[in-house]
C-alpha cells in the first residue's frame, strides 16, 4: 500500500538543497512512499530589517528559523521537517523528536570569504550577524570592525562587492559547499581556533513522536554523526545557550574510538574566552557534553554568558 510523506523546509535555495541532500539516498529505500515538499516561511526569512536574529526570535516567540516549521509539524500540516541543525533549539516541542542525524555531515568549519585573516588591514570591515563569529573574530583580531549582516548566502557573499563593499564576510563552509559558491579568495578557519556552532554542517530531521513518518524513518541516519552532534547540543543545553550566544563546539570520533569534544565561550568583545577539551565513550555523548559544560562554567563561562544576557 502506497503512502505519502510531506516534508517541510524553509524557502531558501540552501534549505531546498538540504531536502534534496537528505531525500536523494533515502527515497529509493521506500519505493511505495510518495515524498512531497512544502515551503514554510520563518520569521528570520520574512523580517530582513531587524538587525539581529535574537530580536527576530523574541518577536516570533521562539526561534527565528524553526518556530513556524515546528508549528506546521505539530499541527499535521507536514510530517517531517528538514532543518539546518545549528538553527534548531536544543529543546524541541514535547510532541516531536529528532531522528538519528543523517550522514555524512558537511564541513563543520567557518570560512572567511574575500580575504585571508592575517592579511586584513588594521580596522578592516568584516561582515557577520552571528554573535559567536563576532566574538571569535574579535578574540583573534580585536582591531577588526565587525559589521552586522543578514540574509541568504548569495546576498551575504555579495557584500564583498560593490561600492559599499566589506573587506570580508564569514560564512559556513557547509552552505557554500552545498550551493557550490566557495569564492576564489577564501580562508577555511581552523576549527581548533575558531570553533563552529553546535550542529553546524549537520541536518536535523524532526518528526511527530509515534507518527507514521517516525516509524517509517526510524532506521535511517548515521549513528557516528548523531553522537557528534548530540555531544555538541548537550553542551549547549547545559550552558542554556542558543544561536544568539557565543558558544562554539566541535565533536568528532577519533581513531581511538573515543568521542572528542572541543568547546569555547567568548565574550562579545572578544576580550574574554574560556576553552575546554575532553573525551569519553562514544555511546554516552550527553555525559561528555554536560561534563565539559561544567568545566567551562568553572572557568568563568557562566559569568560571560550572564553578562551577555543582561537586558
C-alpha atoms as a PDB file:
ATOM      1  CA  UNK A   1       0.000   0.000   0.000  1.00  0.00           C
ATOM      2  CA  UNK A   2       1.427   3.368  -1.011  1.00  0.00           C
ATOM      3  CA  UNK A   3       1.615   6.361   1.331  1.00  0.00           C
ATOM      4  CA  UNK A   4       2.672   9.994   1.261  1.00  0.00           C
ATOM      5  CA  UNK A   5       5.085  11.931   3.452  1.00  0.00           C
ATOM      6  CA  UNK A   6       5.094  15.740   3.359  1.00  0.00           C
ATOM      7  CA  UNK A   7       8.483  17.345   4.009  1.00  0.00           C
ATOM      8  CA  UNK A   8       8.652  20.916   5.243  1.00  0.00           C
ATOM      9  CA  UNK A   9      11.596  23.281   4.962  1.00  0.00           C
ATOM     10  CA  UNK A  10      12.421  26.946   4.672  1.00  0.00           C
ATOM     11  CA  UNK A  11      12.149  28.627   1.270  1.00  0.00           C
ATOM     12  CA  UNK A  12      15.792  29.404   0.508  1.00  0.00           C
ATOM     13  CA  UNK A  13      17.756  27.584  -2.159  1.00  0.00           C
ATOM     14  CA  UNK A  14      20.016  26.245   0.596  1.00  0.00           C
ATOM     15  CA  UNK A  15      17.035  24.808   2.500  1.00  0.00           C
ATOM     16  CA  UNK A  16      15.690  23.179  -0.665  1.00  0.00           C
ATOM     17  CA  UNK A  17      19.158  21.794  -1.442  1.00  0.00           C
ATOM     18  CA  UNK A  18      19.301  20.272   2.036  1.00  0.00           C
ATOM     19  CA  UNK A  19      15.984  18.498   1.477  1.00  0.00           C
ATOM     20  CA  UNK A  20      17.366  17.052  -1.751  1.00  0.00           C
ATOM     21  CA  UNK A  21      20.559  16.009   0.029  1.00  0.00           C
ATOM     22  CA  UNK A  22      18.542  14.101   2.625  1.00  0.00           C
ATOM     23  CA  UNK A  23      15.970  12.674   0.255  1.00  0.00           C
ATOM     24  CA  UNK A  24      18.163  11.507  -2.644  1.00  0.00           C
ATOM     25  CA  UNK A  25      19.714   8.469  -0.894  1.00  0.00           C
ATOM     26  CA  UNK A  26      16.565   7.870   1.160  1.00  0.00           C
ATOM     27  CA  UNK A  27      13.731   7.768  -1.383  1.00  0.00           C
ATOM     28  CA  UNK A  28      14.914   4.591  -3.199  1.00  0.00           C
ATOM     29  CA  UNK A  29      14.613   2.705   0.106  1.00  0.00           C
ATOM     30  CA  UNK A  30      10.885   3.453   0.174  1.00  0.00           C
ATOM     31  CA  UNK A  31       9.599   2.913  -3.394  1.00  0.00           C
ATOM     32  CA  UNK A  32       5.961   2.860  -2.256  1.00  0.00           C
ATOM     33  CA  UNK A  33       6.183   6.209  -0.489  1.00  0.00           C
ATOM     34  CA  UNK A  34       5.475   9.492  -2.261  1.00  0.00           C
ATOM     35  CA  UNK A  35       7.556  12.302  -0.763  1.00  0.00           C
ATOM     36  CA  UNK A  36       6.085  15.781  -1.189  1.00  0.00           C
ATOM     37  CA  UNK A  37       7.654  19.123  -0.285  1.00  0.00           C
ATOM     38  CA  UNK A  38       6.163  22.187   1.345  1.00  0.00           C
ATOM     39  CA  UNK A  39       7.837  25.550   1.937  1.00  0.00           C
ATOM     40  CA  UNK A  40       7.324  27.284   5.294  1.00  0.00           C
ATOM     41  CA  UNK A  41       8.390  30.889   5.829  1.00  0.00           C
ATOM     42  CA  UNK A  42      10.118  31.681   9.116  1.00  0.00           C
ATOM     43  CA  UNK A  43      10.422  34.967  10.989  1.00  0.00           C
ATOM     44  CA  UNK A  44      14.075  35.230  10.013  1.00  0.00           C
ATOM     45  CA  UNK A  45      13.089  34.879   6.341  1.00  0.00           C
ATOM     46  CA  UNK A  46      10.222  37.383   6.436  1.00  0.00           C
ATOM     47  CA  UNK A  47      11.920  40.055   8.582  1.00  0.00           C
ATOM     48  CA  UNK A  48      15.051  41.305   6.827  1.00  0.00           C
ATOM     49  CA  UNK A  49      15.084  44.670   8.623  1.00  0.00           C
ATOM     50  CA  UNK A  50      15.570  43.781  12.305  1.00  0.00           C
ATOM     51  CA  UNK A  51      19.360  43.846  12.781  1.00  0.00           C
ATOM     52  CA  UNK A  52      19.805  40.744  14.955  1.00  0.00           C
ATOM     53  CA  UNK A  53      18.298  37.267  14.885  1.00  0.00           C
ATOM     54  CA  UNK A  54      17.903  37.390  18.669  1.00  0.00           C
ATOM     55  CA  UNK A  55      15.445  40.275  18.243  1.00  0.00           C
ATOM     56  CA  UNK A  56      13.629  38.420  15.454  1.00  0.00           C
ATOM     57  CA  UNK A  57      13.345  35.343  17.689  1.00  0.00           C
ATOM     58  CA  UNK A  58      11.871  37.405  20.534  1.00  0.00           C
ATOM     59  CA  UNK A  59       9.259  38.822  18.168  1.00  0.00           C
ATOM     60  CA  UNK A  60       8.454  35.350  16.811  1.00  0.00           C
ATOM     61  CA  UNK A  61       8.147  33.922  20.309  1.00  0.00           C
ATOM     62  CA  UNK A  62      10.727  31.226  19.583  1.00  0.00           C
ATOM     63  CA  UNK A  63      13.483  30.584  17.082  1.00  0.00           C
ATOM     64  CA  UNK A  64      13.980  32.850  14.079  1.00  0.00           C
ATOM     65  CA  UNK A  65      14.488  29.820  11.855  1.00  0.00           C
ATOM     66  CA  UNK A  66      12.386  26.966  13.246  1.00  0.00           C
ATOM     67  CA  UNK A  67       9.245  28.209  15.073  1.00  0.00           C
ATOM     68  CA  UNK A  68       6.827  28.189  12.123  1.00  0.00           C
ATOM     69  CA  UNK A  69       8.134  24.885  10.795  1.00  0.00           C
ATOM     70  CA  UNK A  70       7.699  23.233  14.179  1.00  0.00           C
ATOM     71  CA  UNK A  71       4.156  24.594  14.402  1.00  0.00           C
ATOM     72  CA  UNK A  72       3.388  23.127  10.965  1.00  0.00           C
ATOM     73  CA  UNK A  73       4.733  19.775  12.131  1.00  0.00           C
ATOM     74  CA  UNK A  74       2.785  19.720  15.390  1.00  0.00           C
ATOM     75  CA  UNK A  75      -0.497  20.626  13.653  1.00  0.00           C
ATOM     76  CA  UNK A  76      -0.045  17.955  10.982  1.00  0.00           C
ATOM     77  CA  UNK A  77       0.462  20.323   8.054  1.00  0.00           C
ATOM     78  CA  UNK A  78       3.723  18.435   7.347  1.00  0.00           C
ATOM     79  CA  UNK A  79       5.112  15.096   8.508  1.00  0.00           C
ATOM     80  CA  UNK A  80       8.854  15.829   8.525  1.00  0.00           C
ATOM     81  CA  UNK A  81      10.970  18.966   8.866  1.00  0.00           C
ATOM     82  CA  UNK A  82      14.493  19.167   7.439  1.00  0.00           C
ATOM     83  CA  UNK A  83      16.448  21.760   9.437  1.00  0.00           C
ATOM     84  CA  UNK A  84      19.949  23.131   9.481  1.00  0.00           C
ATOM     85  CA  UNK A  85      20.632  21.604  12.876  1.00  0.00           C
ATOM     86  CA  UNK A  86      22.590  24.626  14.111  1.00  0.00           C
ATOM     87  CA  UNK A  87      19.392  26.721  13.791  1.00  0.00           C
ATOM     88  CA  UNK A  88      17.295  24.347  15.892  1.00  0.00           C
ATOM     89  CA  UNK A  89      16.929  24.993  19.653  1.00  0.00           C
ATOM     90  CA  UNK A  90      18.245  22.250  21.938  1.00  0.00           C
ATOM     91  CA  UNK A  91      14.710  21.674  23.255  1.00  0.00           C
ATOM     92  CA  UNK A  92      12.095  20.724  20.648  1.00  0.00           C
ATOM     93  CA  UNK A  93       8.309  20.582  21.108  1.00  0.00           C
ATOM     94  CA  UNK A  94       7.324  17.797  23.511  1.00  0.00           C
ATOM     95  CA  UNK A  95       5.214  16.034  20.882  1.00  0.00           C
ATOM     96  CA  UNK A  96       8.142  15.812  18.450  1.00  0.00           C
ATOM     97  CA  UNK A  97      11.508  14.067  18.266  1.00  0.00           C
ATOM     98  CA  UNK A  98      14.698  14.309  16.245  1.00  0.00           C
ATOM     99  CA  UNK A  99      15.581  11.248  14.213  1.00  0.00           C
ATOM    100  CA  UNK A 100      19.134   9.905  14.165  1.00  0.00           C
ATOM    101  CA  UNK A 101      21.156  12.590  12.369  1.00  0.00           C
ATOM    102  CA  UNK A 102      21.796  11.839   8.682  1.00  0.00           C
ATOM    103  CA  UNK A 103      25.293  11.422   7.367  1.00  0.00           C
ATOM    104  CA  UNK A 104      27.693  12.278   6.059  1.00  0.00           C
ATOM    105  CA  UNK A 105      27.964  15.610   7.835  1.00  0.00           C
ATOM    106  CA  UNK A 106      29.067  18.535   5.707  1.00  0.00           C
ATOM    107  CA  UNK A 107      32.194  20.526   6.607  1.00  0.00           C
ATOM    108  CA  UNK A 108      31.755  21.937  10.132  1.00  0.00           C
ATOM    109  CA  UNK A 109      34.139  24.853   9.629  1.00  0.00           C
ATOM    110  CA  UNK A 110      33.630  28.568   9.023  1.00  0.00           C
ATOM    111  CA  UNK A 111      35.120  30.360   6.033  1.00  0.00           C
ATOM    112  CA  UNK A 112      36.462  33.899   5.737  1.00  0.00           C
ATOM    113  CA  UNK A 113      35.347  34.940   2.248  1.00  0.00           C
ATOM    114  CA  UNK A 114      37.213  37.585   0.263  1.00  0.00           C
ATOM    115  CA  UNK A 115      40.483  37.736   2.210  1.00  0.00           C
ATOM    116  CA  UNK A 116      42.960  35.942   4.453  1.00  0.00           C
ATOM    117  CA  UNK A 117      42.623  36.770   8.140  1.00  0.00           C
ATOM    118  CA  UNK A 118      46.286  37.632   8.688  1.00  0.00           C
ATOM    119  CA  UNK A 119      46.301  39.857   5.583  1.00  0.00           C
ATOM    120  CA  UNK A 120      43.324  42.015   6.559  1.00  0.00           C
ATOM    121  CA  UNK A 121      44.445  45.600   7.248  1.00  0.00           C
ATOM    122  CA  UNK A 122      44.020  47.254  10.630  1.00  0.00           C
ATOM    123  CA  UNK A 123      40.360  48.141  11.141  1.00  0.00           C
ATOM    124  CA  UNK A 124      39.141  46.083   8.182  1.00  0.00           C
ATOM    125  CA  UNK A 125      35.362  45.729   7.844  1.00  0.00           C
ATOM    126  CA  UNK A 126      34.239  42.109   8.197  1.00  0.00           C
ATOM    127  CA  UNK A 127      30.600  41.097   7.941  1.00  0.00           C
ATOM    128  CA  UNK A 128      28.741  38.565  10.076  1.00  0.00           C
ATOM    129  CA  UNK A 129      25.490  38.558  12.037  1.00  0.00           C
ATOM    130  CA  UNK A 130      26.300  35.650  14.366  1.00  0.00           C
ATOM    131  CA  UNK A 131      27.366  36.601  17.921  1.00  0.00           C
ATOM    132  CA  UNK A 132      29.692  33.571  18.071  1.00  0.00           C
ATOM    133  CA  UNK A 133      31.511  34.626  14.904  1.00  0.00           C
ATOM    134  CA  UNK A 134      31.688  38.248  16.057  1.00  0.00           C
ATOM    135  CA  UNK A 135      33.198  37.208  19.394  1.00  0.00           C
ATOM    136  CA  UNK A 136      35.677  34.738  17.920  1.00  0.00           C
ATOM    137  CA  UNK A 137      36.792  37.164  15.216  1.00  0.00           C
ATOM    138  CA  UNK A 138      37.494  39.842  17.824  1.00  0.00           C
ATOM    139  CA  UNK A 139      39.311  37.317  20.011  1.00  0.00           C
ATOM    140  CA  UNK A 140      41.721  36.689  17.122  1.00  0.00           C
ATOM    141  CA  UNK A 141      41.758  40.235  15.681  1.00  0.00           C
ATOM    142  CA  UNK A 142      40.469  42.836  18.175  1.00  0.00           C
ATOM    143  CA  UNK A 143      41.242  45.599  15.683  1.00  0.00           C
ATOM    144  CA  UNK A 144      38.607  44.472  13.181  1.00  0.00           C
ATOM    145  CA  UNK A 145      35.409  46.452  12.559  1.00  0.00           C
ATOM    146  CA  UNK A 146      32.734  43.743  12.552  1.00  0.00           C
ATOM    147  CA  UNK A 147      29.651  44.788  10.586  1.00  0.00           C
ATOM    148  CA  UNK A 148      26.284  43.037  11.234  1.00  0.00           C
ATOM    149  CA  UNK A 149      24.856  41.447   8.088  1.00  0.00           C
ATOM    150  CA  UNK A 150      21.914  39.105   7.469  1.00  0.00           C
ATOM    151  CA  UNK A 151      20.341  37.377   4.502  1.00  0.00           C
ATOM    152  CA  UNK A 152      20.885  34.296   2.384  1.00  0.00           C
ATOM    153  CA  UNK A 153      24.304  33.006   1.359  1.00  0.00           C
ATOM    154  CA  UNK A 154      24.482  34.720  -2.068  1.00  0.00           C
ATOM    155  CA  UNK A 155      23.333  38.003  -0.544  1.00  0.00           C
ATOM    156  CA  UNK A 156      25.972  37.941   2.160  1.00  0.00           C
ATOM    157  CA  UNK A 157      28.681  36.980  -0.340  1.00  0.00           C
ATOM    158  CA  UNK A 158      27.643  39.941  -2.479  1.00  0.00           C
ATOM    159  CA  UNK A 159      28.619  42.282   0.360  1.00  0.00           C
ATOM    160  CA  UNK A 160      32.276  41.777  -0.634  1.00  0.00           C
ATOM    161  CA  UNK A 161      31.497  43.511  -3.944  1.00  0.00           C
ATOM    162  CA  UNK A 162      30.081  46.880  -4.965  1.00  0.00           C
ATOM    163  CA  UNK A 163      30.555  50.437  -3.722  1.00  0.00           C
ATOM    164  CA  UNK A 164      29.968  49.784  -0.017  1.00  0.00           C
ATOM    165  CA  UNK A 165      31.931  46.563  -0.104  1.00  0.00           C
ATOM    166  CA  UNK A 166      33.161  44.837   3.022  1.00  0.00           C
ATOM    167  CA  UNK A 167      36.715  43.534   3.203  1.00  0.00           C
ATOM    168  CA  UNK A 168      35.438  40.035   4.004  1.00  0.00           C
ATOM    169  CA  UNK A 169      32.448  38.092   5.311  1.00  0.00           C
ATOM    170  CA  UNK A 170      32.278  34.925   7.411  1.00  0.00           C
ATOM    171  CA  UNK A 171      30.031  32.080   6.273  1.00  0.00           C
ATOM    172  CA  UNK A 172      29.654  28.370   6.990  1.00  0.00           C
ATOM    173  CA  UNK A 173      31.622  26.083   4.692  1.00  0.00           C
ATOM    174  CA  UNK A 174      28.597  23.748   4.640  1.00  0.00           C
ATOM    175  CA  UNK A 175      26.329  26.295   2.966  1.00  0.00           C
ATOM    176  CA  UNK A 176      28.998  27.383   0.495  1.00  0.00           C
ATOM    177  CA  UNK A 177      29.729  23.771  -0.452  1.00  0.00           C
ATOM    178  CA  UNK A 178      26.067  22.797  -0.785  1.00  0.00           C
ATOM    179  CA  UNK A 179      25.428  25.732  -3.120  1.00  0.00           C
ATOM    180  CA  UNK A 180      28.736  25.498  -4.990  1.00  0.00           C
ATOM    181  CA  UNK A 181      29.567  29.086  -4.014  1.00  0.00           C
ATOM    182  CA  UNK A 182      33.009  28.823  -2.399  1.00  0.00           C
ATOM    183  CA  UNK A 183      34.728  32.035  -3.552  1.00  0.00           C
ATOM    184  CA  UNK A 184      38.122  32.030  -5.208  1.00  0.00           C
ATOM    185  CA  UNK A 185      39.669  34.048  -2.374  1.00  0.00           C
ATOM    186  CA  UNK A 186      38.870  32.466   0.961  1.00  0.00           C
ATOM    187  CA  UNK A 187      40.351  31.025   4.138  1.00  0.00           C
ATOM    188  CA  UNK A 188      38.872  27.990   5.855  1.00  0.00           C
ATOM    189  CA  UNK A 189      39.227  28.771   9.554  1.00  0.00           C
ATOM    190  CA  UNK A 190      40.888  26.210  11.818  1.00  0.00           C
ATOM    191  CA  UNK A 191      38.114  24.654  13.950  1.00  0.00           C
ATOM    192  CA  UNK A 192      40.515  24.319  16.879  1.00  0.00           C
ATOM    193  CA  UNK A 193      40.881  28.125  16.946  1.00  0.00           C
ATOM    194  CA  UNK A 194      37.514  29.150  15.508  1.00  0.00           C
ATOM    195  CA  UNK A 195      35.092  26.628  16.957  1.00  0.00           C
ATOM    196  CA  UNK A 196      31.903  26.134  14.908  1.00  0.00           C
ATOM    197  CA  UNK A 197      28.331  26.474  16.040  1.00  0.00           C
ATOM    198  CA  UNK A 198      26.953  23.298  17.678  1.00  0.00           C
ATOM    199  CA  UNK A 199      25.375  21.210  14.930  1.00  0.00           C
ATOM    200  CA  UNK A 200      26.956  23.180  12.083  1.00  0.00           C
ATOM    201  CA  UNK A 201      27.097  21.224   8.827  1.00  0.00           C
ATOM    202  CA  UNK A 202      24.522  18.659  10.023  1.00  0.00           C
ATOM    203  CA  UNK A 203      20.861  18.249   9.138  1.00  0.00           C
ATOM    204  CA  UNK A 204      18.175  17.905  11.801  1.00  0.00           C
ATOM    205  CA  UNK A 205      15.236  15.677  10.880  1.00  0.00           C
ATOM    206  CA  UNK A 206      12.233  16.392  13.120  1.00  0.00           C
ATOM    207  CA  UNK A 207       9.034  14.290  13.189  1.00  0.00           C
ATOM    208  CA  UNK A 208       5.999  13.894  15.429  1.00  0.00           C
ATOM    209  CA  UNK A 209       6.625  11.231  18.048  1.00  0.00           C
ATOM    210  CA  UNK A 210       4.789   7.962  17.375  1.00  0.00           C
ATOM    211  CA  UNK A 211       3.730   9.137  13.913  1.00  0.00           C
ATOM    212  CA  UNK A 212       3.717   7.028  10.744  1.00  0.00           C
ATOM    213  CA  UNK A 213       6.681   9.064   9.490  1.00  0.00           C
ATOM    214  CA  UNK A 214       8.605   8.406  12.718  1.00  0.00           C
ATOM    215  CA  UNK A 215       8.032   4.666  12.381  1.00  0.00           C
ATOM    216  CA  UNK A 216       8.859   4.675   8.664  1.00  0.00           C
ATOM    217  CA  UNK A 217      12.152   6.560   9.106  1.00  0.00           C
ATOM    218  CA  UNK A 218      13.236   5.044  12.433  1.00  0.00           C
ATOM    219  CA  UNK A 219      16.115   3.066  10.923  1.00  0.00           C
ATOM    220  CA  UNK A 220      17.645   5.946   8.979  1.00  0.00           C
ATOM    221  CA  UNK A 221      20.563   8.194   9.946  1.00  0.00           C
ATOM    222  CA  UNK A 222      24.228   7.822  10.831  1.00  0.00           C
ATOM    223  CA  UNK A 223      24.985   6.861  14.429  1.00  0.00           C
ATOM    224  CA  UNK A 224      28.508   8.320  14.373  1.00  0.00           C
ATOM    225  CA  UNK A 225      27.346  11.713  13.097  1.00  0.00           C
ATOM    226  CA  UNK A 226      24.466  11.623  15.548  1.00  0.00           C
ATOM    227  CA  UNK A 227      26.794  11.143  18.526  1.00  0.00           C
ATOM    228  CA  UNK A 228      28.970  14.054  17.413  1.00  0.00           C
ATOM    229  CA  UNK A 229      26.076  16.494  17.160  1.00  0.00           C
ATOM    230  CA  UNK A 230      24.458  15.209  20.342  1.00  0.00           C
ATOM    231  CA  UNK A 231      27.581  15.966  22.379  1.00  0.00           C
ATOM    232  CA  UNK A 232      27.672  19.497  20.940  1.00  0.00           C
ATOM    233  CA  UNK A 233      23.984  20.118  21.616  1.00  0.00           C
ATOM    234  CA  UNK A 234      24.241  18.603  25.110  1.00  0.00           C
ATOM    235  CA  UNK A 235      26.970  21.096  25.975  1.00  0.00           C
ATOM    236  CA  UNK A 236      24.913  23.971  24.563  1.00  0.00           C
ATOM    237  CA  UNK A 237      21.859  22.858  26.534  1.00  0.00           C
ATOM    238  CA  UNK A 238      23.831  22.716  29.790  1.00  0.00           C
ATOM    239  CA  UNK A 239      25.026  26.271  29.146  1.00  0.00           C
ATOM    240  CA  UNK A 240      21.412  27.327  28.452  1.00  0.00           C
ATOM    241  CA  UNK A 241      22.607  28.674  25.136  1.00  0.00           C
ATOM    242  CA  UNK A 242      21.254  29.042  21.622  1.00  0.00           C
ATOM    243  CA  UNK A 243      22.253  30.542  18.300  1.00  0.00           C
ATOM    244  CA  UNK A 244      22.278  34.016  19.887  1.00  0.00           C
ATOM    245  CA  UNK A 245      25.088  33.276  22.346  1.00  0.00           C
ATOM    246  CA  UNK A 246      28.802  32.888  21.501  1.00  0.00           C
ATOM    247  CA  UNK A 247      29.260  29.172  22.213  1.00  0.00           C
ATOM    248  CA  UNK A 248      31.395  27.069  19.876  1.00  0.00           C
ATOM    249  CA  UNK A 249      31.609  23.279  19.990  1.00  0.00           C
ATOM    250  CA  UNK A 250      33.139  20.577  17.824  1.00  0.00           C
ATOM    251  CA  UNK A 251      32.580  16.878  18.403  1.00  0.00           C
ATOM    252  CA  UNK A 252      34.305  14.109  16.459  1.00  0.00           C
ATOM    253  CA  UNK A 253      35.083  10.430  16.887  1.00  0.00           C
ATOM    254  CA  UNK A 254      38.837   9.881  16.703  1.00  0.00           C
ATOM    255  CA  UNK A 255      40.874   6.860  15.666  1.00  0.00           C
ATOM    256  CA  UNK A 256      40.981   5.786  19.307  1.00  0.00           C
ATOM    257  CA  UNK A 257      37.211   5.225  19.096  1.00  0.00           C
ATOM    258  CA  UNK A 258      36.504   7.883  21.720  1.00  0.00           C
ATOM    259  CA  UNK A 259      34.224  10.856  21.259  1.00  0.00           C
ATOM    260  CA  UNK A 260      36.270  14.060  21.482  1.00  0.00           C
ATOM    261  CA  UNK A 261      34.796  17.495  22.179  1.00  0.00           C
ATOM    262  CA  UNK A 262      36.347  20.958  21.991  1.00  0.00           C
ATOM    263  CA  UNK A 263      34.347  23.969  23.179  1.00  0.00           C
ATOM    264  CA  UNK A 264      34.678  27.690  23.805  1.00  0.00           C
ATOM    265  CA  UNK A 265      32.641  30.523  25.274  1.00  0.00           C
ATOM    266  CA  UNK A 266      33.724  34.023  24.249  1.00  0.00           C
ATOM    267  CA  UNK A 267      32.631  37.471  25.383  1.00  0.00           C
ATOM    268  CA  UNK A 268      31.041  39.571  22.642  1.00  0.00           C
ATOM    269  CA  UNK A 269      34.015  41.927  22.528  1.00  0.00           C
ATOM    270  CA  UNK A 270      36.438  39.007  22.228  1.00  0.00           C
ATOM    271  CA  UNK A 271      38.340  40.097  25.353  1.00  0.00           C
ATOM    272  CA  UNK A 272      37.474  37.007  27.414  1.00  0.00           C
ATOM    273  CA  UNK A 273      37.437  33.433  26.215  1.00  0.00           C
ATOM    274  CA  UNK A 274      37.330  30.138  28.078  1.00  0.00           C
ATOM    275  CA  UNK A 275      38.037  26.848  26.317  1.00  0.00           C
ATOM    276  CA  UNK A 276      37.916  23.184  27.211  1.00  0.00           C
ATOM    277  CA  UNK A 277      38.575  19.843  25.573  1.00  0.00           C
ATOM    278  CA  UNK A 278      37.620  16.351  26.666  1.00  0.00           C
ATOM    279  CA  UNK A 279      36.955  12.803  25.507  1.00  0.00           C
ATOM    280  CA  UNK A 280      34.701   9.974  26.572  1.00  0.00           C
ATOM    281  CA  UNK A 281      32.827   6.872  25.403  1.00  0.00           C
ATOM    282  CA  UNK A 282      31.068   7.486  22.096  1.00  0.00           C
ATOM    283  CA  UNK A 283      27.874   5.864  23.359  1.00  0.00           C
ATOM    284  CA  UNK A 284      27.321   8.495  26.075  1.00  0.00           C
ATOM    285  CA  UNK A 285      27.585  11.893  24.356  1.00  0.00           C
ATOM    286  CA  UNK A 286      25.284  13.666  26.818  1.00  0.00           C
ATOM    287  CA  UNK A 287      27.589  12.863  29.728  1.00  0.00           C
ATOM    288  CA  UNK A 288      30.643  14.289  27.958  1.00  0.00           C
ATOM    289  CA  UNK A 289      28.721  17.402  26.889  1.00  0.00           C
ATOM    290  CA  UNK A 290      27.494  18.053  30.435  1.00  0.00           C
ATOM    291  CA  UNK A 291      30.949  17.427  31.898  1.00  0.00           C
ATOM    292  CA  UNK A 292      32.682  19.849  29.540  1.00  0.00           C
ATOM    293  CA  UNK A 293      29.973  22.470  30.099  1.00  0.00           C
ATOM    294  CA  UNK A 294      30.606  22.258  33.844  1.00  0.00           C
ATOM    295  CA  UNK A 295      34.327  22.681  33.206  1.00  0.00           C
ATOM    296  CA  UNK A 296      33.675  25.796  31.117  1.00  0.00           C
ATOM    297  CA  UNK A 297      31.386  27.235  33.787  1.00  0.00           C
ATOM    298  CA  UNK A 298      34.032  26.667  36.449  1.00  0.00           C
ATOM    299  CA  UNK A 299      36.493  28.647  34.332  1.00  0.00           C
ATOM    300  CA  UNK A 300      34.177  31.651  34.026  1.00  0.00           C
ATOM    301  CA  UNK A 301      31.774  30.825  31.167  1.00  0.00           C
ATOM    302  CA  UNK A 302      28.763  31.383  33.425  1.00  0.00           C
ATOM    303  CA  UNK A 303      29.839  34.971  34.138  1.00  0.00           C
ATOM    304  CA  UNK A 304      30.455  35.657  30.431  1.00  0.00           C
ATOM    305  CA  UNK A 305      27.016  34.352  29.465  1.00  0.00           C
ATOM    306  CA  UNK A 306      25.305  36.191  32.333  1.00  0.00           C
ATOM    307  CA  UNK A 307      26.809  39.459  31.145  1.00  0.00           C
ATOM    308  CA  UNK A 308      25.577  38.810  27.594  1.00  0.00           C
ATOM    309  CA  UNK A 309      22.042  38.025  28.785  1.00  0.00           C
ATOM    310  CA  UNK A 310      21.685  41.255  30.777  1.00  0.00           C
ATOM    311  CA  UNK A 311      18.712  43.294  29.490  1.00  0.00           C
END
